[in-house]
Amino acid sequence: MSFRTVLIGFALCCGATTTTLTAAAAQDARQVEIGYEITYLGMAGFRIDLTARFEGTRYDIETSTFKNGVLKALTMNYAGRNRAWGVLTAAGARPTAGSLSIVVDDKTRTWSAQYGADGSLKETHNPEWKPLPKQAIPERDRVGSLDPLSAAVTAGLAGDAACDRTLPTNDGKRRIDVMLRKVRSEPAAASGIAGAQGDVLVCEISTRRVSGEFYDGPKESEAERERPVRIWFARLDNTPVRYPAKLEAELALGTARGKTLWFRERPMSAEEAQAMRR
């Protein structure tokens, strides 16, 4: 299993649970901020900061992922930003669009997608993506797919059943199915999660390649499915929302662990509401 899979797991779930809201519950303008840290072999590795804004039935969610600590000092630069926006309806989340920006070393790639009611998407790549024929994503795989954060938003509205589903994700170059499966529930007091209330939902996340640009061999993909990422969802406030609070993933040389650094919730200012995607 690679750090890519770990980041997919935690970043997905960052979006998934912050939107476990009905349209009625989202009437007040509010902002949720969560900070996460992922460590590997006991050393700081990645940070993920999330900001979720809700006004009426509209949502606008951003995540920022970057290296820190020893991993940042010893390996090439990496930073990622994701944004997803849309509306909440009685039938669930209806994504309008999503975007991502990834910086690896000194190279930047951006991709955005606008979603049609029929499942189609209009994409913009920078730089232009020119895949080999075997690396292209066929139209049958593109239809109905969503950027990772938008896919997570649609899952989150399922509440306690959010984990029992498959998310068709698309990052512009790779179509990956992200499969969520509930493992168990456990008392919050036994979870080791500070501030957790009631019970904690434990789920596993695994991935399945569908099509696109992959550079490593298929054997790694099989190994990743055998060793899924495990996520703990906890209630951290007085709402029904379940937030990702802990992560564990077995990697080649040890275990990667994720934890919540902070959780903040407050009314949203007029300026912040103005900054939301329309």
C-alpha atoms as a PDB file:
ATOM      1  CA  MET A   1       0.000   0.000   0.000  1.00  0.00           C
ATOM      2  CA  SER A   2       1.244   3.507  -0.870  1.00  0.00           C
ATOM      3  CA  PHE A   3       0.824   6.889   0.825  1.00  0.00           C
ATOM      4  CA  ARG A   4      -1.433   7.771  -2.142  1.00  0.00           C
ATOM      5  CA  THR A   5      -4.003   5.267  -0.878  1.00  0.00           C
ATOM      6  CA  VAL A   6      -3.723   6.565   2.699  1.00  0.00           C
ATOM      7  CA  LEU A   7      -4.305  10.140   1.536  1.00  0.00           C
ATOM      8  CA  ILE A   8      -7.240   9.078  -0.629  1.00  0.00           C
ATOM      9  CA  GLY A   9      -8.791   7.421   2.410  1.00  0.00           C
ATOM     10  CA  PHE A  10      -8.395  10.291   4.842  1.00  0.00           C
ATOM     11  CA  ALA A  11      -9.074  13.070   2.332  1.00  0.00           C
ATOM     12  CA  LEU A  12     -12.214  11.338   1.123  1.00  0.00           C
ATOM     13  CA  CYS A  13     -13.555  10.917   4.592  1.00  0.00           C
ATOM     14  CA  CYS A  14     -12.789  14.525   5.457  1.00  0.00           C
ATOM     15  CA  GLY A  15     -15.449  15.449   2.930  1.00  0.00           C
ATOM     16  CA  ALA A  16     -17.757  12.558   3.656  1.00  0.00           C
ATOM     17  CA  THR A  17     -18.803  13.264   7.187  1.00  0.00           C
ATOM     18  CA  THR A  18     -18.830  17.035   7.296  1.00  0.00           C
ATOM     19  CA  THR A  19     -21.867  16.972   5.020  1.00  0.00           C
ATOM     20  CA  THR A  20     -24.042  14.534   6.905  1.00  0.00           C
ATOM     21  CA  LEU A  21     -26.780  17.154   6.987  1.00  0.00           C
ATOM     22  CA  THR A  22     -30.293  17.443   5.685  1.00  0.00           C
ATOM     23  CA  ALA A  23     -31.262  20.544   3.803  1.00  0.00           C
ATOM     24  CA  ALA A  24     -33.301  21.673   6.815  1.00  0.00           C
ATOM     25  CA  ALA A  25     -30.345  21.349   9.173  1.00  0.00           C
ATOM     26  CA  ALA A  26     -28.123  23.460   6.939  1.00  0.00           C
ATOM     27  CA  GLN A  27     -30.197  26.650   6.934  1.00  0.00           C
ATOM     28  CA  ASP A  28     -27.871  28.609   9.232  1.00  0.00           C
ATOM     29  CA  ALA A  29     -24.607  29.828   7.714  1.00  0.00           C
ATOM     30  CA  ARG A  30     -21.878  27.886   9.497  1.00  0.00           C
ATOM     31  CA  GLN A  31     -18.241  26.955   9.071  1.00  0.00           C
ATOM     32  CA  VAL A  32     -16.446  23.813  10.249  1.00  0.00           C
ATOM     33  CA  GLU A  33     -12.637  23.660  10.466  1.00  0.00           C
ATOM     34  CA  ILE A  34     -10.717  20.434  11.140  1.00  0.00           C
ATOM     35  CA  GLY A  35      -6.990  19.764  11.219  1.00  0.00           C
ATOM     36  CA  TYR A  36      -5.496  16.271  10.785  1.00  0.00           C
ATOM     37  CA  GLU A  37      -1.991  14.852  11.018  1.00  0.00           C
ATOM     38  CA  ILE A  38      -0.733  11.590   9.489  1.00  0.00           C
ATOM     39  CA  THR A  39       2.397  10.041  11.002  1.00  0.00           C
ATOM     40  CA  TYR A  40       4.510   7.148   9.735  1.00  0.00           C
ATOM     41  CA  LEU A  41       6.807   5.106  11.978  1.00  0.00           C
ATOM     42  CA  GLY A  42       6.076   7.652  14.689  1.00  0.00           C
ATOM     43  CA  MET A  43       7.299  10.588  12.578  1.00  0.00           C
ATOM     44  CA  ALA A  44       5.234  13.490  11.266  1.00  0.00           C
ATOM     45  CA  GLY A  45       4.340  12.970   7.624  1.00  0.00           C
ATOM     46  CA  PHE A  46       1.282  14.793   6.236  1.00  0.00           C
ATOM     47  CA  ARG A  47      -1.161  17.454   7.378  1.00  0.00           C
ATOM     48  CA  ILE A  48      -4.699  17.813   6.054  1.00  0.00           C
ATOM     49  CA  ASP A  49      -6.665  20.981   6.844  1.00  0.00           C
ATOM     50  CA  LEU A  50     -10.360  21.104   6.003  1.00  0.00           C
ATOM     51  CA  THR A  51     -12.787  24.021   5.819  1.00  0.00           C
ATOM     52  CA  ALA A  52     -16.481  23.322   5.157  1.00  0.00           C
ATOM     53  CA  ARG A  53     -18.996  26.137   4.657  1.00  0.00           C
ATOM     54  CA  PHE A  54     -22.770  25.801   4.571  1.00  0.00           C
ATOM     55  CA  GLU A  55     -25.352  28.471   3.781  1.00  0.00           C
ATOM     56  CA  GLY A  56     -28.953  27.468   3.228  1.00  0.00           C
ATOM     57  CA  THR A  57     -28.744  24.422   0.978  1.00  0.00           C
ATOM     58  CA  ARG A  58     -25.361  25.365  -0.512  1.00  0.00           C
ATOM     59  CA  TYR A  59     -22.063  23.808   0.493  1.00  0.00           C
ATOM     60  CA  ASP A  60     -18.459  24.689  -0.341  1.00  0.00           C
ATOM     61  CA  ILE A  61     -15.681  22.464   1.017  1.00  0.00           C
ATOM     62  CA  GLU A  62     -11.913  22.825   0.730  1.00  0.00           C
ATOM     63  CA  THR A  63      -9.045  20.590   1.805  1.00  0.00           C
ATOM     64  CA  SER A  64      -5.333  21.344   1.845  1.00  0.00           C
ATOM     65  CA  THR A  65      -2.793  18.497   2.067  1.00  0.00           C
ATOM     66  CA  PHE A  66       0.927  19.016   2.567  1.00  0.00           C
ATOM     67  CA  LYS A  67       3.998  17.323   3.979  1.00  0.00           C
ATOM     68  CA  ASN A  68       5.480  18.322   7.311  1.00  0.00           C
ATOM     69  CA  GLY A  69       8.155  17.250   9.765  1.00  0.00           C
ATOM     70  CA  VAL A  70      10.789  14.676   8.815  1.00  0.00           C
ATOM     71  CA  LEU A  71       9.004  13.575   5.626  1.00  0.00           C
ATOM     72  CA  LYS A  72       9.011  17.143   4.318  1.00  0.00           C
ATOM     73  CA  ALA A  73      12.709  17.522   5.065  1.00  0.00           C
ATOM     74  CA  LEU A  74      13.807  14.258   3.450  1.00  0.00           C
ATOM     75  CA  THR A  75      11.550  13.913   0.401  1.00  0.00           C
ATOM     76  CA  MET A  76      10.413  16.003  -2.563  1.00  0.00           C
ATOM     77  CA  ASN A  77       7.854  18.741  -2.113  1.00  0.00           C
ATOM     78  CA  TYR A  78       4.163  17.767  -2.257  1.00  0.00           C
ATOM     79  CA  ALA A  79       1.056  19.888  -1.742  1.00  0.00           C
ATOM     80  CA  GLY A  80      -2.540  19.341  -2.792  1.00  0.00           C
ATOM     81  CA  ARG A  81      -5.693  21.450  -2.680  1.00  0.00           C
ATOM     82  CA  ASN A  82      -9.218  20.206  -3.387  1.00  0.00           C
ATOM     83  CA  ARG A  83     -12.486  22.088  -3.548  1.00  0.00           C
ATOM     84  CA  ALA A  84     -16.045  20.832  -4.063  1.00  0.00           C
ATOM     85  CA  TRP A  85     -19.289  22.783  -4.191  1.00  0.00           C
ATOM     86  CA  GLY A  86     -22.940  22.189  -4.889  1.00  0.00           C
ATOM     87  CA  VAL A  87     -26.342  22.049  -3.207  1.00  0.00           C
ATOM     88  CA  LEU A  88     -28.048  19.809  -0.670  1.00  0.00           C
ATOM     89  CA  THR A  89     -31.430  18.402  -1.737  1.00  0.00           C
ATOM     90  CA  ALA A  90     -33.965  16.041  -0.209  1.00  0.00           C
ATOM     91  CA  ALA A  91     -32.467  13.302  -2.409  1.00  0.00           C
ATOM     92  CA  GLY A  92     -28.906  14.012  -1.278  1.00  0.00           C
ATOM     93  CA  ALA A  93     -25.974  16.157  -2.367  1.00  0.00           C
ATOM     94  CA  ARG A  94     -25.988  17.447  -5.936  1.00  0.00           C
ATOM     95  CA  PRO A  95     -22.419  18.400  -6.884  1.00  0.00           C
ATOM     96  CA  THR A  96     -22.026  21.391  -9.163  1.00  0.00           C
ATOM     97  CA  ALA A  97     -18.280  21.228  -9.693  1.00  0.00           C
ATOM     98  CA  GLY A  98     -14.959  20.259  -8.160  1.00  0.00           C
ATOM     99  CA  SER A  99     -11.319  21.124  -8.628  1.00  0.00           C
ATOM    100  CA  LEU A 100      -7.869  20.035  -7.535  1.00  0.00           C
ATOM    101  CA  SER A 101      -4.350  21.397  -7.669  1.00  0.00           C
ATOM    102  CA  ILE A 102      -1.331  19.168  -7.040  1.00  0.00           C
ATOM    103  CA  VAL A 103       2.284  20.298  -6.690  1.00  0.00           C
ATOM    104  CA  VAL A 104       4.999  17.610  -6.844  1.00  0.00           C
ATOM    105  CA  ASP A 105       8.552  18.949  -6.563  1.00  0.00           C
ATOM    106  CA  ASP A 106       8.402  21.978  -8.905  1.00  0.00           C
ATOM    107  CA  LYS A 107       5.581  20.763 -11.164  1.00  0.00           C
ATOM    108  CA  THR A 108       1.964  21.836 -10.770  1.00  0.00           C
ATOM    109  CA  ARG A 109      -1.121  20.144 -12.214  1.00  0.00           C
ATOM    110  CA  THR A 110      -4.650  21.527 -11.962  1.00  0.00           C
ATOM    111  CA  TRP A 111      -7.911  19.918 -13.009  1.00  0.00           C
ATOM    112  CA  SER A 112     -11.534  20.948 -12.676  1.00  0.00           C
ATOM    113  CA  ALA A 113     -14.848  19.354 -13.597  1.00  0.00           C
ATOM    114  CA  GLN A 114     -18.373  20.698 -13.984  1.00  0.00           C
ATOM    115  CA  TYR A 115     -21.178  18.154 -13.641  1.00  0.00           C
ATOM    116  CA  GLY A 116     -24.283  17.794 -15.773  1.00  0.00           C
ATOM    117  CA  ALA A 117     -27.601  16.391 -14.609  1.00  0.00           C
ATOM    118  CA  ASP A 118     -27.082  13.369 -16.886  1.00  0.00           C
ATOM    119  CA  GLY A 119     -23.787  12.393 -15.214  1.00  0.00           C
ATOM    120  CA  SER A 120     -21.618  14.026 -17.862  1.00  0.00           C
ATOM    121  CA  LEU A 121     -18.660  16.197 -16.938  1.00  0.00           C
ATOM    122  CA  LYS A 122     -16.835  19.065 -18.604  1.00  0.00           C
ATOM    123  CA  GLU A 123     -13.136  18.944 -17.759  1.00  0.00           C
ATOM    124  CA  THR A 124     -10.317  21.479 -17.824  1.00  0.00           C
ATOM    125  CA  HIS A 125      -6.673  20.338 -17.563  1.00  0.00           C
ATOM    126  CA  ASN A 126      -3.598  22.490 -16.996  1.00  0.00           C
ATOM    127  CA  PRO A 127      -1.190  21.472 -18.449  1.00  0.00           C
ATOM    128  CA  GLU A 128      -3.095  19.694 -21.209  1.00  0.00           C
ATOM    129  CA  TRP A 129      -3.282  15.960 -20.601  1.00  0.00           C
ATOM    130  CA  LYS A 130      -2.222  13.828 -23.583  1.00  0.00           C
ATOM    131  CA  PRO A 131      -2.470  10.185 -22.469  1.00  0.00           C
ATOM    132  CA  LEU A 132      -1.410   7.180 -24.474  1.00  0.00           C
ATOM    133  CA  PRO A 133      -4.409   5.206 -25.785  1.00  0.00           C
ATOM    134  CA  LYS A 134      -4.062   2.596 -23.009  1.00  0.00           C
ATOM    135  CA  GLN A 135      -3.936   5.372 -20.372  1.00  0.00           C
ATOM    136  CA  ALA A 136      -7.043   7.260 -21.489  1.00  0.00           C
ATOM    137  CA  ILE A 137     -10.251   7.160 -19.443  1.00  0.00           C
ATOM    138  CA  PRO A 138     -13.047   5.949 -21.754  1.00  0.00           C
ATOM    139  CA  GLU A 139     -16.332   7.819 -21.807  1.00  0.00           C
ATOM    140  CA  ARG A 140     -18.180   4.898 -20.172  1.00  0.00           C
ATOM    141  CA  ASP A 141     -15.932   5.309 -17.099  1.00  0.00           C
ATOM    142  CA  ARG A 142     -16.135   9.114 -17.027  1.00  0.00           C
ATOM    143  CA  VAL A 143     -19.950   9.288 -16.915  1.00  0.00           C
ATOM    144  CA  GLY A 144     -21.145   9.433 -13.318  1.00  0.00           C
ATOM    145  CA  SER A 145     -17.657   9.847 -11.867  1.00  0.00           C
ATOM    146  CA  LEU A 146     -16.823  12.671  -9.449  1.00  0.00           C
ATOM    147  CA  ASP A 147     -13.726  14.344  -8.111  1.00  0.00           C
ATOM    148  CA  PRO A 148     -12.725  12.661  -4.809  1.00  0.00           C
ATOM    149  CA  LEU A 149     -14.089  15.402  -2.567  1.00  0.00           C
ATOM    150  CA  SER A 150     -17.449  15.648  -4.384  1.00  0.00           C
ATOM    151  CA  ALA A 151     -17.763  11.853  -4.241  1.00  0.00           C
ATOM    152  CA  ALA A 152     -17.221  11.988  -0.496  1.00  0.00           C
ATOM    153  CA  VAL A 153     -19.937  14.620  -0.096  1.00  0.00           C
ATOM    154  CA  THR A 154     -22.508  12.339  -1.733  1.00  0.00           C
ATOM    155  CA  ALA A 155     -21.536   9.488   0.595  1.00  0.00           C
ATOM    156  CA  GLY A 156     -21.746  11.594   3.728  1.00  0.00           C
ATOM    157  CA  LEU A 157     -25.477  12.235   3.379  1.00  0.00           C
ATOM    158  CA  ALA A 158     -26.086   8.516   4.013  1.00  0.00           C
ATOM    159  CA  GLY A 159     -25.344   9.016   7.722  1.00  0.00           C
ATOM    160  CA  ASP A 160     -24.597   5.771   9.547  1.00  0.00           C
ATOM    161  CA  ALA A 161     -24.746   3.895   6.208  1.00  0.00           C
ATOM    162  CA  ALA A 162     -22.067   6.080   4.596  1.00  0.00           C
ATOM    163  CA  CYS A 163     -19.504   3.287   4.674  1.00  0.00           C
ATOM    164  CA  ASP A 164     -21.439   0.641   2.755  1.00  0.00           C
ATOM    165  CA  ARG A 165     -20.968   1.904  -0.787  1.00  0.00           C
ATOM    166  CA  THR A 166     -18.590   2.340  -3.728  1.00  0.00           C
ATOM    167  CA  LEU A 167     -17.531   5.833  -4.846  1.00  0.00           C
ATOM    168  CA  PRO A 168     -16.578   6.290  -8.557  1.00  0.00           C
ATOM    169  CA  THR A 169     -13.775   8.845  -8.221  1.00  0.00           C
ATOM    170  CA  ASN A 170     -11.899  10.692 -10.952  1.00  0.00           C
ATOM    171  CA  ASP A 171      -8.871  12.981 -10.505  1.00  0.00           C
ATOM    172  CA  GLY A 172      -8.581  13.849 -14.181  1.00  0.00           C
ATOM    173  CA  LYS A 173      -5.991  11.169 -14.918  1.00  0.00           C
ATOM    174  CA  ARG A 174      -7.209   8.137 -12.977  1.00  0.00           C
ATOM    175  CA  ARG A 175     -10.619   6.524 -12.485  1.00  0.00           C
ATOM    176  CA  ILE A 176     -10.598   4.686  -9.180  1.00  0.00           C
ATOM    177  CA  ASP A 177     -13.435   3.023  -7.306  1.00  0.00           C
ATOM    178  CA  VAL A 178     -13.162   3.714  -3.582  1.00  0.00           C
ATOM    179  CA  MET A 179     -14.980   1.042  -1.605  1.00  0.00           C
ATOM    180  CA  LEU A 180     -16.193   1.727   1.940  1.00  0.00           C
ATOM    181  CA  ARG A 181     -17.282  -1.075   4.268  1.00  0.00           C
ATOM    182  CA  LYS A 182     -18.490  -0.927   7.861  1.00  0.00           C
ATOM    183  CA  VAL A 183     -16.468  -3.136  10.208  1.00  0.00           C
ATOM    184  CA  ARG A 184     -18.026  -2.451  13.608  1.00  0.00           C
ATOM    185  CA  SER A 185     -19.153   0.122  16.144  1.00  0.00           C
ATOM    186  CA  GLU A 186     -17.427   0.676  19.475  1.00  0.00           C
ATOM    187  CA  PRO A 187     -18.056   2.842  22.559  1.00  0.00           C
ATOM    188  CA  ALA A 188     -16.514   6.297  22.288  1.00  0.00           C
ATOM    189  CA  ALA A 189     -14.813   5.790  25.651  1.00  0.00           C
ATOM    190  CA  ALA A 190     -12.897   2.801  24.248  1.00  0.00           C
ATOM    191  CA  SER A 191     -11.854   4.487  20.998  1.00  0.00           C
ATOM    192  CA  GLY A 192      -9.088   6.695  22.364  1.00  0.00           C
ATOM    193  CA  ILE A 193     -10.615   9.704  20.552  1.00  0.00           C
ATOM    194  CA  ALA A 194     -10.729  12.850  22.684  1.00  0.00           C
ATOM    195  CA  GLY A 195     -14.154  14.475  22.754  1.00  0.00           C
ATOM    196  CA  ALA A 196     -15.960  11.571  21.048  1.00  0.00           C
ATOM    197  CA  GLN A 197     -19.594  11.085  22.047  1.00  0.00           C
ATOM    198  CA  GLY A 198     -21.822   7.986  21.977  1.00  0.00           C
ATOM    199  CA  ASP A 199     -20.525   5.234  19.710  1.00  0.00           C
ATOM    200  CA  VAL A 200     -17.776   5.350  17.089  1.00  0.00           C
ATOM    201  CA  LEU A 201     -18.199   3.859  13.612  1.00  0.00           C
ATOM    202  CA  VAL A 202     -15.210   1.880  12.305  1.00  0.00           C
ATOM    203  CA  CYS A 203     -14.956   1.412   8.538  1.00  0.00           C
ATOM    204  CA  GLU A 204     -12.460   0.112   5.994  1.00  0.00           C
ATOM    205  CA  ILE A 205     -11.554   1.831   2.735  1.00  0.00           C
ATOM    206  CA  SER A 206      -9.998   0.006  -0.211  1.00  0.00           C
ATOM    207  CA  THR A 207      -9.457   0.986  -3.838  1.00  0.00           C
ATOM    208  CA  ARG A 208      -9.923  -0.636  -7.240  1.00  0.00           C
ATOM    209  CA  ARG A 209      -8.353   0.721 -10.393  1.00  0.00           C
ATOM    210  CA  VAL A 210     -10.764   1.232 -13.280  1.00  0.00           C
ATOM    211  CA  SER A 211      -8.872   3.103 -16.026  1.00  0.00           C
ATOM    212  CA  GLY A 212      -6.397   5.893 -16.618  1.00  0.00           C
ATOM    213  CA  GLU A 213      -2.726   6.666 -16.128  1.00  0.00           C
ATOM    214  CA  PHE A 214      -0.987   4.290 -13.689  1.00  0.00           C
ATOM    215  CA  TYR A 215       2.767   3.798 -13.550  1.00  0.00           C
ATOM    216  CA  ASP A 216       3.161   0.980 -11.013  1.00  0.00           C
ATOM    217  CA  GLY A 217       2.299  -2.650 -11.653  1.00  0.00           C
ATOM    218  CA  PRO A 218      -1.042  -4.353 -11.009  1.00  0.00           C
ATOM    219  CA  LYS A 219       0.429  -6.458  -8.184  1.00  0.00           C
ATOM    220  CA  GLU A 220       0.548  -3.403  -5.926  1.00  0.00           C
ATOM    221  CA  SER A 221      -3.099  -2.740  -6.652  1.00  0.00           C
ATOM    222  CA  GLU A 222      -3.978  -6.256  -5.494  1.00  0.00           C
ATOM    223  CA  ALA A 223      -1.947  -5.768  -2.305  1.00  0.00           C
ATOM    224  CA  GLU A 224      -3.739  -2.499  -1.575  1.00  0.00           C
ATOM    225  CA  ARG A 225      -7.102  -4.221  -1.697  1.00  0.00           C
ATOM    226  CA  GLU A 226      -5.876  -6.808   0.802  1.00  0.00           C
ATOM    227  CA  ARG A 227      -4.756  -4.150   3.285  1.00  0.00           C
ATOM    228  CA  PRO A 228      -7.439  -1.465   3.421  1.00  0.00           C
ATOM    229  CA  VAL A 229      -7.227   1.807   5.309  1.00  0.00           C
ATOM    230  CA  ARG A 230      -9.220   1.772   8.553  1.00  0.00           C
ATOM    231  CA  ILE A 231     -11.115   4.923   9.580  1.00  0.00           C
ATOM    232  CA  TRP A 232     -12.904   5.814  12.855  1.00  0.00           C
ATOM    233  CA  PHE A 233     -15.932   8.147  12.544  1.00  0.00           C
ATOM    234  CA  ALA A 234     -16.947   9.943  15.738  1.00  0.00           C
ATOM    235  CA  ARG A 235     -19.541  12.476  16.859  1.00  0.00           C
ATOM    236  CA  LEU A 236     -17.582  15.483  18.101  1.00  0.00           C
ATOM    237  CA  ASP A 237     -20.422  17.980  18.655  1.00  0.00           C
ATOM    238  CA  ASN A 238     -24.141  17.987  19.455  1.00  0.00           C
ATOM    239  CA  THR A 239     -25.213  17.189  15.867  1.00  0.00           C
ATOM    240  CA  PRO A 240     -25.729  13.775  14.188  1.00  0.00           C
ATOM    241  CA  VAL A 241     -22.639  14.432  12.055  1.00  0.00           C
ATOM    242  CA  ARG A 242     -19.868  11.819  12.195  1.00  0.00           C
ATOM    243  CA  TYR A 243     -16.381  13.209  11.618  1.00  0.00           C
ATOM    244  CA  PRO A 244     -13.253  11.212  10.677  1.00  0.00           C
ATOM    245  CA  ALA A 245     -11.213  11.180  13.883  1.00  0.00           C
ATOM    246  CA  LYS A 246      -8.596   8.418  13.559  1.00  0.00           C
ATOM    247  CA  LEU A 247      -6.889   6.411  10.814  1.00  0.00           C
ATOM    248  CA  GLU A 248      -4.646   3.352  10.618  1.00  0.00           C
ATOM    249  CA  ALA A 249      -3.023   1.825   7.523  1.00  0.00           C
ATOM    250  CA  GLU A 250      -0.405  -0.902   7.232  1.00  0.00           C
ATOM    251  CA  LEU A 251       2.357   0.149   4.834  1.00  0.00           C
ATOM    252  CA  ALA A 252       5.424  -1.750   3.613  1.00  0.00           C
ATOM    253  CA  LEU A 253       7.657  -0.815   6.552  1.00  0.00           C
ATOM    254  CA  GLY A 254       5.195   0.073   9.290  1.00  0.00           C
ATOM    255  CA  THR A 255       1.899   1.669  10.185  1.00  0.00           C
ATOM    256  CA  ALA A 256       0.612   5.085   9.150  1.00  0.00           C
ATOM    257  CA  ARG A 257      -1.672   6.726  11.700  1.00  0.00           C
ATOM    258  CA  GLY A 258      -3.942   9.723  11.412  1.00  0.00           C
ATOM    259  CA  LYS A 259      -5.420  11.789  14.233  1.00  0.00           C
ATOM    260  CA  THR A 260      -7.484  14.927  14.736  1.00  0.00           C
ATOM    261  CA  LEU A 261      -5.451  17.959  15.806  1.00  0.00           C
ATOM    262  CA  TRP A 262      -8.363  20.337  16.228  1.00  0.00           C
ATOM    263  CA  PHE A 263     -12.072  20.697  15.591  1.00  0.00           C
ATOM    264  CA  ARG A 264     -13.808  24.071  15.406  1.00  0.00           C
ATOM    265  CA  GLU A 265     -17.344  25.070  14.468  1.00  0.00           C
ATOM    266  CA  ARG A 266     -18.782  28.594  14.344  1.00  0.00           C
ATOM    267  CA  PRO A 267     -21.243  30.853  12.532  1.00  0.00           C
ATOM    268  CA  MET A 268     -19.981  32.051   9.170  1.00  0.00           C
ATOM    269  CA  SER A 269     -19.254  35.732   8.546  1.00  0.00           C
ATOM    270  CA  ALA A 270     -20.776  37.676   5.667  1.00  0.00           C
ATOM    271  CA  GLU A 271     -17.355  37.837   3.999  1.00  0.00           C
ATOM    272  CA  GLU A 272     -16.927  34.074   4.224  1.00  0.00           C
ATOM    273  CA  ALA A 273     -20.394  33.510   2.800  1.00  0.00           C
ATOM    274  CA  GLN A 274     -19.527  35.835  -0.082  1.00  0.00           C
ATOM    275  CA  ALA A 275     -16.426  33.735  -0.824  1.00  0.00           C
ATOM    276  CA  MET A 276     -18.494  30.590  -1.353  1.00  0.00           C
ATOM    277  CA  ARG A 277     -18.828  29.252  -4.892  1.00  0.00           C
ATOM    278  CA  ARG A 278     -22.149  30.219  -6.501  1.00  0.00           C
END
